[in-house]
C-alpha atoms as a PDB file:
ATOM      1  CA  UNK A   1     -20.633 -47.272  24.244  1.00  0.00           C
ATOM      2  CA  UNK A   2     -18.463 -44.584  22.704  1.00  0.00           C
ATOM      3  CA  UNK A   3     -17.825 -44.269  19.007  1.00  0.00           C
ATOM      4  CA  UNK A   4     -14.607 -45.550  17.503  1.00  0.00           C
ATOM      5  CA  UNK A   5     -11.868 -42.943  17.243  1.00  0.00           C
ATOM      6  CA  UNK A   6     -12.105 -41.071  13.978  1.00  0.00           C
ATOM      7  CA  UNK A   7      -8.734 -42.297  12.769  1.00  0.00           C
ATOM      8  CA  UNK A   8      -9.881 -45.916  13.146  1.00  0.00           C
ATOM      9  CA  UNK A   9     -13.070 -45.138  11.234  1.00  0.00           C
ATOM     10  CA  UNK A  10     -10.919 -43.663   8.468  1.00  0.00           C
ATOM     11  CA  UNK A  11      -8.795 -46.827   8.356  1.00  0.00           C
ATOM     12  CA  UNK A  12     -11.981 -48.937   8.321  1.00  0.00           C
ATOM     13  CA  UNK A  13     -13.298 -46.937   5.350  1.00  0.00           C
ATOM     14  CA  UNK A  14     -10.042 -47.450   3.475  1.00  0.00           C
ATOM     15  CA  UNK A  15      -9.968 -51.187   4.230  1.00  0.00           C
ATOM     16  CA  UNK A  16     -13.614 -51.474   3.106  1.00  0.00           C
ATOM     17  CA  UNK A  17     -12.704 -50.279  -0.408  1.00  0.00           C
ATOM     18  CA  UNK A  18     -10.106 -52.948  -1.098  1.00  0.00           C
ATOM     19  CA  UNK A  19     -12.280 -56.106  -1.397  1.00  0.00           C
ATOM     20  CA  UNK A  20     -13.509 -54.666  -4.707  1.00  0.00           C
ATOM     21  CA  UNK A  21     -10.119 -55.698  -6.134  1.00  0.00           C
ATOM     22  CA  UNK A  22     -11.322 -59.169  -7.048  1.00  0.00           C
ATOM     23  CA  UNK A  23     -10.028 -59.644 -10.594  1.00  0.00           C
ATOM     24  CA  UNK A  24     -13.310 -58.686 -12.263  1.00  0.00           C
ATOM     25  CA  UNK A  25     -14.418 -55.545 -14.071  1.00  0.00           C
ATOM     26  CA  UNK A  26     -11.630 -52.955 -14.120  1.00  0.00           C
ATOM     27  CA  UNK A  27      -9.407 -54.992 -11.786  1.00  0.00           C
ATOM     28  CA  UNK A  28      -6.583 -57.194 -13.021  1.00  0.00           C
ATOM     29  CA  UNK A  29      -5.629 -58.844  -9.714  1.00  0.00           C
ATOM     30  CA  UNK A  30      -7.332 -60.383  -6.678  1.00  0.00           C
ATOM     31  CA  UNK A  31      -5.312 -58.608  -3.956  1.00  0.00           C
ATOM     32  CA  UNK A  32      -8.544 -57.506  -2.284  1.00  0.00           C
ATOM     33  CA  UNK A  33      -9.565 -61.084  -1.495  1.00  0.00           C
ATOM     34  CA  UNK A  34      -7.701 -60.805   1.811  1.00  0.00           C
ATOM     35  CA  UNK A  35      -7.336 -57.416   3.503  1.00  0.00           C
ATOM     36  CA  UNK A  36      -5.049 -57.418   6.519  1.00  0.00           C
ATOM     37  CA  UNK A  37      -4.729 -54.490   8.957  1.00  0.00           C
ATOM     38  CA  UNK A  38      -1.031 -54.930   9.695  1.00  0.00           C
ATOM     39  CA  UNK A  39       2.349 -53.816   8.467  1.00  0.00           C
ATOM     40  CA  UNK A  40       3.832 -57.292   8.969  1.00  0.00           C
ATOM     41  CA  UNK A  41       5.044 -58.718   5.676  1.00  0.00           C
ATOM     42  CA  UNK A  42       2.692 -61.543   4.604  1.00  0.00           C
ATOM     43  CA  UNK A  43       3.915 -65.069   4.111  1.00  0.00           C
ATOM     44  CA  UNK A  44       3.486 -66.638   0.708  1.00  0.00           C
ATOM     45  CA  UNK A  45       0.545 -68.660   2.038  1.00  0.00           C
ATOM     46  CA  UNK A  46      -1.410 -65.388   2.540  1.00  0.00           C
ATOM     47  CA  UNK A  47      -0.958 -64.211  -1.054  1.00  0.00           C
ATOM     48  CA  UNK A  48      -2.832 -62.552  -2.761  1.00  0.00           C
ATOM     49  CA  UNK A  49      -3.572 -59.906  -0.159  1.00  0.00           C
ATOM     50  CA  UNK A  50      -3.599 -56.239   0.744  1.00  0.00           C
ATOM     51  CA  UNK A  51      -2.090 -54.665   3.840  1.00  0.00           C
ATOM     52  CA  UNK A  52      -3.450 -51.427   5.303  1.00  0.00           C
ATOM     53  CA  UNK A  53      -1.641 -49.607   8.081  1.00  0.00           C
ATOM     54  CA  UNK A  54      -1.055 -46.199   9.571  1.00  0.00           C
ATOM     55  CA  UNK A  55       2.332 -44.576   9.316  1.00  0.00           C
ATOM     56  CA  UNK A  56       3.419 -41.275  10.855  1.00  0.00           C
ATOM     57  CA  UNK A  57       1.060 -38.397  11.691  1.00  0.00           C
ATOM     58  CA  UNK A  58       2.168 -34.777  11.622  1.00  0.00           C
ATOM     59  CA  UNK A  59       0.489 -31.547  12.622  1.00  0.00           C
ATOM     60  CA  UNK A  60       0.277 -29.043   9.804  1.00  0.00           C
ATOM     61  CA  UNK A  61      -1.229 -26.125  11.704  1.00  0.00           C
ATOM     62  CA  UNK A  62      -3.784 -25.242  14.338  1.00  0.00           C
ATOM     63  CA  UNK A  63      -7.247 -24.005  13.437  1.00  0.00           C
ATOM     64  CA  UNK A  64      -8.931 -21.043  15.112  1.00  0.00           C
ATOM     65  CA  UNK A  65     -10.970 -23.436  17.280  1.00  0.00           C
ATOM     66  CA  UNK A  66      -7.840 -24.969  18.807  1.00  0.00           C
ATOM     67  CA  UNK A  67      -7.983 -28.164  16.762  1.00  0.00           C
ATOM     68  CA  UNK A  68      -4.815 -29.279  15.023  1.00  0.00           C
ATOM     69  CA  UNK A  69      -5.000 -30.035  11.332  1.00  0.00           C
ATOM     70  CA  UNK A  70      -3.159 -33.348  11.222  1.00  0.00           C
ATOM     71  CA  UNK A  71      -1.904 -35.244   8.223  1.00  0.00           C
ATOM     72  CA  UNK A  72      -1.672 -38.993   8.697  1.00  0.00           C
ATOM     73  CA  UNK A  73      -0.007 -41.296   6.213  1.00  0.00           C
ATOM     74  CA  UNK A  74      -1.883 -44.484   5.372  1.00  0.00           C
ATOM     75  CA  UNK A  75      -0.054 -47.198   3.487  1.00  0.00           C
ATOM     76  CA  UNK A  76      -1.772 -49.729   1.237  1.00  0.00           C
ATOM     77  CA  UNK A  77       0.330 -52.608  -0.044  1.00  0.00           C
ATOM     78  CA  UNK A  78      -0.819 -55.332  -2.411  1.00  0.00           C
ATOM     79  CA  UNK A  79       0.908 -58.655  -3.043  1.00  0.00           C
ATOM     80  CA  UNK A  80       0.444 -61.379  -5.652  1.00  0.00           C
ATOM     81  CA  UNK A  81       2.369 -64.505  -6.582  1.00  0.00           C
ATOM     82  CA  UNK A  82       4.812 -64.145  -9.437  1.00  0.00           C
ATOM     83  CA  UNK A  83       3.224 -66.161 -12.219  1.00  0.00           C
ATOM     84  CA  UNK A  84       4.953 -64.675 -15.245  1.00  0.00           C
ATOM     85  CA  UNK A  85       8.375 -63.445 -16.204  1.00  0.00           C
ATOM     86  CA  UNK A  86       7.055 -59.910 -16.630  1.00  0.00           C
ATOM     87  CA  UNK A  87       7.372 -58.784 -13.006  1.00  0.00           C
ATOM     88  CA  UNK A  88       7.011 -55.115 -13.867  1.00  0.00           C
ATOM     89  CA  UNK A  89       3.688 -55.584 -15.678  1.00  0.00           C
ATOM     90  CA  UNK A  90       2.343 -57.696 -12.802  1.00  0.00           C
ATOM     91  CA  UNK A  91       3.404 -55.090 -10.240  1.00  0.00           C
ATOM     92  CA  UNK A  92       1.851 -52.304 -12.325  1.00  0.00           C
ATOM     93  CA  UNK A  93      -1.434 -54.242 -12.343  1.00  0.00           C
ATOM     94  CA  UNK A  94      -1.341 -54.378  -8.528  1.00  0.00           C
ATOM     95  CA  UNK A  95      -0.458 -50.683  -8.319  1.00  0.00           C
ATOM     96  CA  UNK A  96      -3.224 -49.678 -10.724  1.00  0.00           C
ATOM     97  CA  UNK A  97      -5.798 -51.815  -8.928  1.00  0.00           C
ATOM     98  CA  UNK A  98      -5.007 -50.238  -5.553  1.00  0.00           C
ATOM     99  CA  UNK A  99      -5.210 -46.746  -6.989  1.00  0.00           C
ATOM    100  CA  UNK A 100      -8.508 -47.461  -8.768  1.00  0.00           C
ATOM    101  CA  UNK A 101     -10.087 -48.779  -5.575  1.00  0.00           C
ATOM    102  CA  UNK A 102      -8.748 -45.993  -3.375  1.00  0.00           C
ATOM    103  CA  UNK A 103      -9.388 -43.102  -5.710  1.00  0.00           C
ATOM    104  CA  UNK A 104     -12.897 -44.062  -6.815  1.00  0.00           C
ATOM    105  CA  UNK A 105     -14.409 -41.213  -4.842  1.00  0.00           C
ATOM    106  CA  UNK A 106     -15.552 -38.094  -6.611  1.00  0.00           C
ATOM    107  CA  UNK A 107     -14.821 -35.809  -3.656  1.00  0.00           C
ATOM    108  CA  UNK A 108     -12.052 -37.803  -1.888  1.00  0.00           C
ATOM    109  CA  UNK A 109     -13.857 -37.456   1.466  1.00  0.00           C
ATOM    110  CA  UNK A 110     -14.069 -41.181   2.393  1.00  0.00           C
ATOM    111  CA  UNK A 111     -17.790 -40.884   2.898  1.00  0.00           C
ATOM    112  CA  UNK A 112     -17.533 -37.556   4.708  1.00  0.00           C
ATOM    113  CA  UNK A 113     -14.821 -38.588   7.199  1.00  0.00           C
ATOM    114  CA  UNK A 114     -12.295 -36.223   5.618  1.00  0.00           C
ATOM    115  CA  UNK A 115     -12.871 -32.542   4.973  1.00  0.00           C
ATOM    116  CA  UNK A 116     -12.264 -31.768   1.334  1.00  0.00           C
ATOM    117  CA  UNK A 117     -11.418 -28.216   2.399  1.00  0.00           C
ATOM    118  CA  UNK A 118      -8.364 -29.736   4.133  1.00  0.00           C
ATOM    119  CA  UNK A 119      -7.413 -31.644   0.986  1.00  0.00           C
ATOM    120  CA  UNK A 120      -9.327 -34.908   1.392  1.00  0.00           C
ATOM    121  CA  UNK A 121      -7.650 -38.196   0.540  1.00  0.00           C
ATOM    122  CA  UNK A 122      -4.431 -37.344  -1.309  1.00  0.00           C
ATOM    123  CA  UNK A 123      -2.013 -39.605  -3.152  1.00  0.00           C
ATOM    124  CA  UNK A 124       1.504 -39.161  -1.739  1.00  0.00           C
ATOM    125  CA  UNK A 125       3.765 -41.690  -3.472  1.00  0.00           C
ATOM    126  CA  UNK A 126       3.984 -45.248  -4.727  1.00  0.00           C
ATOM    127  CA  UNK A 127       6.550 -47.893  -5.490  1.00  0.00           C
ATOM    128  CA  UNK A 128       6.817 -51.330  -7.009  1.00  0.00           C
ATOM    129  CA  UNK A 129       7.995 -54.099  -4.670  1.00  0.00           C
ATOM    130  CA  UNK A 130      10.089 -56.513  -6.713  1.00  0.00           C
ATOM    131  CA  UNK A 131      10.899 -59.964  -5.342  1.00  0.00           C
ATOM    132  CA  UNK A 132      14.347 -60.692  -3.958  1.00  0.00           C
ATOM    133  CA  UNK A 133      16.275 -63.629  -5.341  1.00  0.00           C
ATOM    134  CA  UNK A 134      14.369 -66.841  -4.703  1.00  0.00           C
ATOM    135  CA  UNK A 135      11.122 -65.102  -3.715  1.00  0.00           C
ATOM    136  CA  UNK A 136       7.934 -65.498  -5.696  1.00  0.00           C
ATOM    137  CA  UNK A 137       5.917 -62.499  -4.441  1.00  0.00           C
ATOM    138  CA  UNK A 138       5.440 -59.228  -6.321  1.00  0.00           C
ATOM    139  CA  UNK A 139       3.770 -56.180  -4.895  1.00  0.00           C
ATOM    140  CA  UNK A 140       3.115 -52.486  -4.874  1.00  0.00           C
ATOM    141  CA  UNK A 141       2.968 -49.887  -2.112  1.00  0.00           C
ATOM    142  CA  UNK A 142       0.863 -46.718  -2.244  1.00  0.00           C
ATOM    143  CA  UNK A 143       0.894 -43.994   0.404  1.00  0.00           C
ATOM    144  CA  UNK A 144      -2.016 -41.630   0.926  1.00  0.00           C
ATOM    145  CA  UNK A 145      -2.246 -38.551   3.096  1.00  0.00           C
ATOM    146  CA  UNK A 146      -5.402 -38.188   5.128  1.00  0.00           C
ATOM    147  CA  UNK A 147      -5.729 -34.701   6.586  1.00  0.00           C
ATOM    148  CA  UNK A 148      -8.154 -34.512   9.486  1.00  0.00           C
ATOM    149  CA  UNK A 149      -8.836 -32.430  12.570  1.00  0.00           C
ATOM    150  CA  UNK A 150      -7.422 -33.473  15.920  1.00  0.00           C
ATOM    151  CA  UNK A 151      -8.666 -31.732  19.037  1.00  0.00           C
ATOM    152  CA  UNK A 152      -6.953 -31.870  22.437  1.00  0.00           C
ATOM    153  CA  UNK A 153      -7.543 -35.262  24.010  1.00  0.00           C
ATOM    154  CA  UNK A 154      -7.321 -37.119  20.712  1.00  0.00           C
ATOM    155  CA  UNK A 155      -8.617 -39.605  19.595  1.00  0.00           C
ATOM    156  CA  UNK A 156     -11.329 -37.587  17.960  1.00  0.00           C
ATOM    157  CA  UNK A 157     -14.642 -39.420  18.129  1.00  0.00           C
ATOM    158  CA  UNK A 158     -16.900 -36.898  16.417  1.00  0.00           C
END
């Protein structure tokens, strides 16, 4: 049996970090109680939860060995029910929790899956997801860049 493609192992490593967001210790929310590998907006019955999904990949340059240095964008979204009038504070708790879980890595290598020499896991941007009128879900979205090598015939399995 062949190994999973490297990009899927990277996504697995990211998804494995999020269950730590359980409302204890340094975490204010429980968005890690349900981690979903989809970009489909969750229904209110699935809240609290985190979504993890891959967005666009781009080639930055080609290495001397013929491998492309690729930057993929991974999106992590967290959602909680609106339980107070202070939507901004609730959303900031979700945002902070995601960033704590994702960035709790001294070398940003995701356990060696990413080469730190290529930048390792890198924060790209974030935003607060306020509820529309009549909705009771608040969230936050964080995008990370994951630079990795891609050789011809991707997916990379090494």
